[in-house]
Amino acid sequence: GIPLVDADMSMIERVLTNLVDNAIRHTPSEGVIKLRIWSQEQKVMLELEDSGPGISPAVSKTLFERPSITDPTRRDNGGLGLVIVRRMLQLHQGDISLIEAPGACFRIFVTL
């Protein structure tokens, strides 16, 4: 029941690989990674949730912004991976957000 999306396959693969790789790296060996996908209002939605330690509130504020060596408030915000993921999704009229959960939970969408 999930509609097909007209998208650049290599970009979407990179988005998903980045999110799954992050979840695997930050989830303990006995932990759980959940993936949910559904369609909603002309969008395909996907959530990836892990049972890892989560993301601190201080880091979550700038998680999707490019790190800066000149701005100490944006120096340690998780690297470029999620910045690139966001830009790739925006090129598909989509986006990414961090959802509050015990671990980390990312919700992405692309527009049909």
N, C-alpha and C. Protein backbone atom coordinates (compact mmCIF):
# COMPACT_ATOMS: atom_id res chain seq x y z
N GLY A 1 0.78 -1.20 0.00
CA GLY A 1 0.00 0.00 0.00
C GLY A 1 0.83 1.27 0.00
N ILE A 2 2.15 1.17 -0.09
CA ILE A 2 2.99 2.37 -0.13
C ILE A 2 3.18 2.75 -1.60
N PRO A 3 2.86 4.01 -1.96
CA PRO A 3 3.01 4.41 -3.37
C PRO A 3 4.48 4.52 -3.78
N LEU A 4 4.70 4.40 -5.09
CA LEU A 4 6.05 4.59 -5.63
C LEU A 4 6.42 6.08 -5.57
N VAL A 5 7.70 6.33 -5.37
CA VAL A 5 8.21 7.70 -5.30
C VAL A 5 9.17 7.90 -6.46
N ASP A 6 9.03 9.02 -7.15
CA ASP A 6 9.96 9.39 -8.21
C ASP A 6 11.14 10.08 -7.54
N ALA A 7 12.28 9.38 -7.44
CA ALA A 7 13.41 9.91 -6.68
C ALA A 7 14.72 9.44 -7.29
N ASP A 8 15.79 10.13 -6.93
CA ASP A 8 17.13 9.72 -7.30
C ASP A 8 17.53 8.56 -6.39
N MET A 9 17.61 7.38 -6.96
CA MET A 9 17.85 6.16 -6.18
C MET A 9 19.14 6.24 -5.35
N SER A 10 20.22 6.77 -5.93
CA SER A 10 21.48 6.82 -5.19
C SER A 10 21.40 7.77 -4.00
N MET A 11 20.68 8.89 -4.15
CA MET A 11 20.53 9.82 -3.02
C MET A 11 19.70 9.19 -1.90
N ILE A 12 18.58 8.57 -2.26
CA ILE A 12 17.72 7.97 -1.24
C ILE A 12 18.44 6.80 -0.57
N GLU A 13 19.23 6.06 -1.34
CA GLU A 13 20.02 4.98 -0.75
C GLU A 13 21.03 5.54 0.24
N ARG A 14 21.65 6.66 -0.09
CA ARG A 14 22.62 7.28 0.82
C ARG A 14 21.94 7.78 2.09
N VAL A 15 20.75 8.35 1.96
CA VAL A 15 19.97 8.80 3.12
C VAL A 15 19.71 7.61 4.05
N LEU A 16 19.17 6.54 3.49
CA LEU A 16 18.82 5.38 4.31
C LEU A 16 20.05 4.71 4.90
N THR A 17 21.12 4.61 4.11
CA THR A 17 22.36 4.01 4.61
C THR A 17 22.91 4.80 5.79
N ASN A 18 22.91 6.12 5.69
CA ASN A 18 23.40 6.97 6.77
C ASN A 18 22.58 6.76 8.04
N LEU A 19 21.26 6.76 7.92
CA LEU A 19 20.40 6.62 9.10
C LEU A 19 20.55 5.23 9.73
N VAL A 20 20.57 4.19 8.90
CA VAL A 20 20.70 2.83 9.43
C VAL A 20 22.08 2.65 10.06
N ASP A 21 23.12 3.15 9.40
CA ASP A 21 24.47 3.05 9.95
C ASP A 21 24.57 3.74 11.31
N ASN A 22 24.01 4.95 11.42
CA ASN A 22 24.00 5.65 12.71
C ASN A 22 23.28 4.83 13.78
N ALA A 23 22.13 4.27 13.42
CA ALA A 23 21.36 3.48 14.39
C ALA A 23 22.16 2.26 14.85
N ILE A 24 22.81 1.58 13.92
CA ILE A 24 23.60 0.39 14.28
C ILE A 24 24.76 0.78 15.18
N ARG A 25 25.45 1.87 14.86
CA ARG A 25 26.61 2.29 15.66
C ARG A 25 26.24 2.71 17.08
N HIS A 26 25.03 3.26 17.25
CA HIS A 26 24.65 3.81 18.56
C HIS A 26 23.71 2.91 19.35
N THR A 27 23.41 1.73 18.84
CA THR A 27 22.53 0.81 19.55
C THR A 27 23.37 -0.32 20.14
N PRO A 28 23.18 -0.60 21.44
CA PRO A 28 23.94 -1.70 22.04
C PRO A 28 23.57 -3.03 21.37
N SER A 29 24.44 -4.02 21.53
CA SER A 29 24.24 -5.31 20.85
C SER A 29 22.92 -5.97 21.21
N GLU A 30 22.40 -5.75 22.38
CA GLU A 30 21.11 -6.32 22.77
C GLU A 30 19.95 -5.36 22.49
N GLY A 31 20.24 -4.26 21.83
CA GLY A 31 19.23 -3.23 21.56
C GLY A 31 18.34 -3.58 20.37
N VAL A 32 17.43 -2.65 20.08
CA VAL A 32 16.43 -2.85 19.03
C VAL A 32 16.44 -1.64 18.11
N ILE A 33 16.30 -1.90 16.81
CA ILE A 33 16.12 -0.85 15.81
C ILE A 33 14.80 -1.11 15.12
N LYS A 34 13.93 -0.11 15.10
CA LYS A 34 12.61 -0.24 14.49
C LYS A 34 12.53 0.66 13.26
N LEU A 35 11.90 0.15 12.22
CA LEU A 35 11.69 0.91 11.00
C LEU A 35 10.20 0.87 10.68
N ARG A 36 9.61 2.04 10.49
CA ARG A 36 8.19 2.15 10.12
C ARG A 36 8.09 2.99 8.86
N ILE A 37 7.18 2.58 7.97
CA ILE A 37 6.98 3.34 6.74
C ILE A 37 5.48 3.38 6.45
N TRP A 38 5.01 4.55 6.01
CA TRP A 38 3.60 4.72 5.68
C TRP A 38 3.43 5.89 4.74
N SER A 39 2.25 6.00 4.15
CA SER A 39 1.98 7.17 3.30
C SER A 39 0.98 8.06 4.03
N GLN A 40 1.13 9.36 3.82
CA GLN A 40 0.30 10.35 4.51
C GLN A 40 0.32 11.63 3.70
N GLU A 41 -0.85 12.12 3.32
CA GLU A 41 -0.99 13.43 2.66
C GLU A 41 0.02 13.66 1.53
N GLN A 42 0.04 12.79 0.55
CA GLN A 42 0.92 12.91 -0.61
C GLN A 42 2.40 12.85 -0.25
N LYS A 43 2.71 12.14 0.83
CA LYS A 43 4.10 11.96 1.25
C LYS A 43 4.30 10.49 1.63
N VAL A 44 5.51 10.02 1.43
CA VAL A 44 5.91 8.74 2.00
C VAL A 44 6.76 9.07 3.22
N MET A 45 6.32 8.55 4.36
CA MET A 45 6.96 8.82 5.64
C MET A 45 7.75 7.59 6.09
N LEU A 46 8.86 7.83 6.79
CA LEU A 46 9.65 6.74 7.32
C LEU A 46 10.20 7.17 8.68
N GLU A 47 10.10 6.28 9.64
CA GLU A 47 10.72 6.52 10.96
C GLU A 47 11.71 5.42 11.24
N LEU A 48 12.86 5.81 11.73
CA LEU A 48 13.88 4.87 12.16
C LEU A 48 14.20 5.19 13.61
N GLU A 49 13.92 4.24 14.48
CA GLU A 49 14.11 4.45 15.92
C GLU A 49 15.06 3.40 16.46
N ASP A 50 15.98 3.83 17.33
CA ASP A 50 16.89 2.87 17.95
C ASP A 50 16.76 2.96 19.47
N SER A 51 17.29 1.95 20.14
CA SER A 51 17.24 1.92 21.61
C SER A 51 18.59 2.29 22.21
N GLY A 52 19.33 3.10 21.49
CA GLY A 52 20.62 3.58 21.99
C GLY A 52 20.45 4.69 23.01
N PRO A 53 21.51 5.40 23.31
CA PRO A 53 21.48 6.42 24.36
C PRO A 53 20.71 7.68 24.00
N GLY A 54 20.35 7.85 22.74
CA GLY A 54 19.62 9.05 22.35
C GLY A 54 20.57 10.20 22.06
N ILE A 55 19.99 11.35 21.82
CA ILE A 55 20.75 12.55 21.46
C ILE A 55 20.48 13.62 22.49
N SER A 56 21.53 14.20 23.02
CA SER A 56 21.36 15.20 24.08
C SER A 56 20.61 16.42 23.54
N PRO A 57 19.85 17.10 24.40
CA PRO A 57 19.14 18.31 23.97
C PRO A 57 20.08 19.37 23.39
N ALA A 58 21.27 19.50 23.94
CA ALA A 58 22.21 20.50 23.43
C ALA A 58 22.62 20.18 21.99
N VAL A 59 22.87 18.93 21.69
CA VAL A 59 23.27 18.53 20.33
C VAL A 59 22.08 18.56 19.39
N SER A 60 20.90 18.19 19.88
CA SER A 60 19.72 18.11 18.99
C SER A 60 19.33 19.47 18.41
N LYS A 61 19.67 20.54 19.10
CA LYS A 61 19.31 21.89 18.61
C LYS A 61 19.99 22.23 17.28
N THR A 62 21.19 21.72 17.08
CA THR A 62 21.95 22.05 15.86
C THR A 62 22.31 20.80 15.05
N LEU A 63 21.60 19.73 15.27
CA LEU A 63 21.92 18.44 14.66
C LEU A 63 21.94 18.49 13.14
N PHE A 64 21.08 19.30 12.54
CA PHE A 64 20.98 19.34 11.08
C PHE A 64 21.67 20.56 10.48
N GLU A 65 22.52 21.22 11.27
CA GLU A 65 23.28 22.37 10.79
C GLU A 65 24.74 21.97 10.60
N ARG A 66 25.37 22.56 9.62
CA ARG A 66 26.78 22.26 9.34
C ARG A 66 27.63 22.65 10.55
N PRO A 67 28.54 21.76 11.00
CA PRO A 67 29.44 22.12 12.11
C PRO A 67 30.35 23.28 11.71
N SER A 68 30.82 24.01 12.69
CA SER A 68 31.68 25.16 12.42
C SER A 68 32.83 25.19 13.41
N ILE A 69 34.05 25.29 12.89
CA ILE A 69 35.19 25.37 13.81
C ILE A 69 35.32 26.75 14.42
N THR A 70 34.67 27.74 13.80
CA THR A 70 34.76 29.10 14.33
C THR A 70 33.65 29.42 15.32
N ASP A 71 32.58 28.63 15.33
CA ASP A 71 31.47 28.87 16.25
C ASP A 71 31.43 27.71 17.25
N PRO A 72 31.88 27.94 18.48
CA PRO A 72 31.94 26.85 19.46
C PRO A 72 30.58 26.23 19.77
N THR A 73 29.50 26.95 19.56
CA THR A 73 28.17 26.38 19.83
C THR A 73 27.75 25.39 18.75
N ARG A 74 28.44 25.40 17.60
CA ARG A 74 28.09 24.47 16.51
C ARG A 74 29.28 23.58 16.13
N ARG A 75 30.22 23.45 17.03
CA ARG A 75 31.42 22.68 16.73
C ARG A 75 31.18 21.18 16.85
N ASP A 76 30.42 20.76 17.83
CA ASP A 76 30.22 19.32 18.08
C ASP A 76 28.74 18.99 17.98
N ASN A 77 28.21 19.00 16.76
CA ASN A 77 26.79 18.73 16.62
C ASN A 77 26.50 17.49 15.78
N GLY A 78 27.43 16.55 15.74
CA GLY A 78 27.14 15.30 15.08
C GLY A 78 27.74 15.11 13.70
N GLY A 79 28.45 16.06 13.19
CA GLY A 79 29.11 15.88 11.91
C GLY A 79 28.26 16.28 10.72
N LEU A 80 28.74 15.93 9.54
CA LEU A 80 28.09 16.35 8.29
C LEU A 80 27.04 15.37 7.79
N GLY A 81 27.03 14.14 8.28
CA GLY A 81 26.12 13.13 7.75
C GLY A 81 24.67 13.55 7.71
N LEU A 82 24.14 14.04 8.82
CA LEU A 82 22.73 14.43 8.86
C LEU A 82 22.47 15.73 8.11
N VAL A 83 23.47 16.58 7.99
CA VAL A 83 23.34 17.79 7.17
C VAL A 83 23.15 17.39 5.71
N ILE A 84 23.95 16.45 5.26
CA ILE A 84 23.84 15.96 3.88
C ILE A 84 22.52 15.25 3.67
N VAL A 85 22.11 14.43 4.64
CA VAL A 85 20.81 13.74 4.56
C VAL A 85 19.69 14.75 4.39
N ARG A 86 19.69 15.78 5.19
CA ARG A 86 18.63 16.80 5.10
C ARG A 86 18.61 17.45 3.72
N ARG A 87 19.78 17.80 3.21
CA ARG A 87 19.82 18.46 1.90
C ARG A 87 19.32 17.54 0.79
N MET A 88 19.68 16.28 0.85
CA MET A 88 19.20 15.32 -0.16
C MET A 88 17.69 15.17 -0.10
N LEU A 89 17.15 15.14 1.10
CA LEU A 89 15.69 15.04 1.25
C LEU A 89 15.01 16.32 0.75
N GLN A 90 15.60 17.46 1.03
CA GLN A 90 15.03 18.72 0.56
C GLN A 90 15.01 18.77 -0.97
N LEU A 91 15.99 18.17 -1.62
CA LEU A 91 16.00 18.11 -3.07
C LEU A 91 14.85 17.24 -3.61
N HIS A 92 14.27 16.42 -2.74
CA HIS A 92 13.11 15.59 -3.09
C HIS A 92 11.83 16.14 -2.45
N GLN A 93 11.82 17.43 -2.15
CA GLN A 93 10.69 18.07 -1.48
C GLN A 93 10.33 17.32 -0.20
N GLY A 94 11.36 16.97 0.55
CA GLY A 94 11.19 16.25 1.81
C GLY A 94 11.99 16.92 2.90
N ASP A 95 12.08 16.22 4.03
CA ASP A 95 12.84 16.74 5.16
C ASP A 95 13.05 15.64 6.17
N ILE A 96 13.76 15.95 7.24
CA ILE A 96 14.05 15.04 8.33
C ILE A 96 13.85 15.79 9.64
N SER A 97 13.40 15.07 10.65
CA SER A 97 13.29 15.66 11.98
C SER A 97 13.63 14.61 13.02
N LEU A 98 14.00 15.10 14.18
CA LEU A 98 14.28 14.24 15.33
C LEU A 98 13.02 14.18 16.17
N ILE A 99 12.55 12.98 16.44
CA ILE A 99 11.34 12.78 17.23
C ILE A 99 11.77 12.35 18.63
N GLU A 100 11.13 12.89 19.64
CA GLU A 100 11.48 12.52 21.00
C GLU A 100 11.16 11.05 21.25
N ALA A 101 12.14 10.32 21.74
CA ALA A 101 12.00 8.90 22.02
C ALA A 101 13.06 8.53 23.07
N PRO A 102 12.95 7.34 23.64
CA PRO A 102 13.99 6.93 24.60
C PRO A 102 15.38 6.89 23.96
N GLY A 103 15.49 6.42 22.73
CA GLY A 103 16.76 6.44 22.00
C GLY A 103 16.70 7.58 21.00
N ALA A 104 17.23 7.35 19.82
CA ALA A 104 17.11 8.33 18.74
C ALA A 104 16.02 7.86 17.79
N CYS A 105 15.20 8.79 17.33
CA CYS A 105 14.15 8.47 16.38
C CYS A 105 14.11 9.57 15.33
N PHE A 106 14.40 9.20 14.09
CA PHE A 106 14.38 10.15 13.00
C PHE A 106 13.18 9.87 12.12
N ARG A 107 12.47 10.93 11.74
CA ARG A 107 11.35 10.81 10.81
C ARG A 107 11.73 11.57 9.55
N ILE A 108 11.62 10.88 8.42
CA ILE A 108 11.88 11.52 7.15
C ILE A 108 10.63 11.40 6.28
N PHE A 109 10.56 12.29 5.27
CA PHE A 109 9.51 12.14 4.27
C PHE A 109 10.02 12.64 2.94
N VAL A 110 9.41 12.09 1.89
CA VAL A 110 9.58 12.61 0.53
C VAL A 110 8.20 12.78 -0.04
N THR A 111 8.03 13.82 -0.84
CA THR A 111 6.74 14.15 -1.42
C THR A 111 6.52 13.34 -2.68
N LEU A 112 5.30 12.87 -2.85
CA LEU A 112 4.97 12.11 -4.06
C LEU A 112 4.89 13.02 -5.26
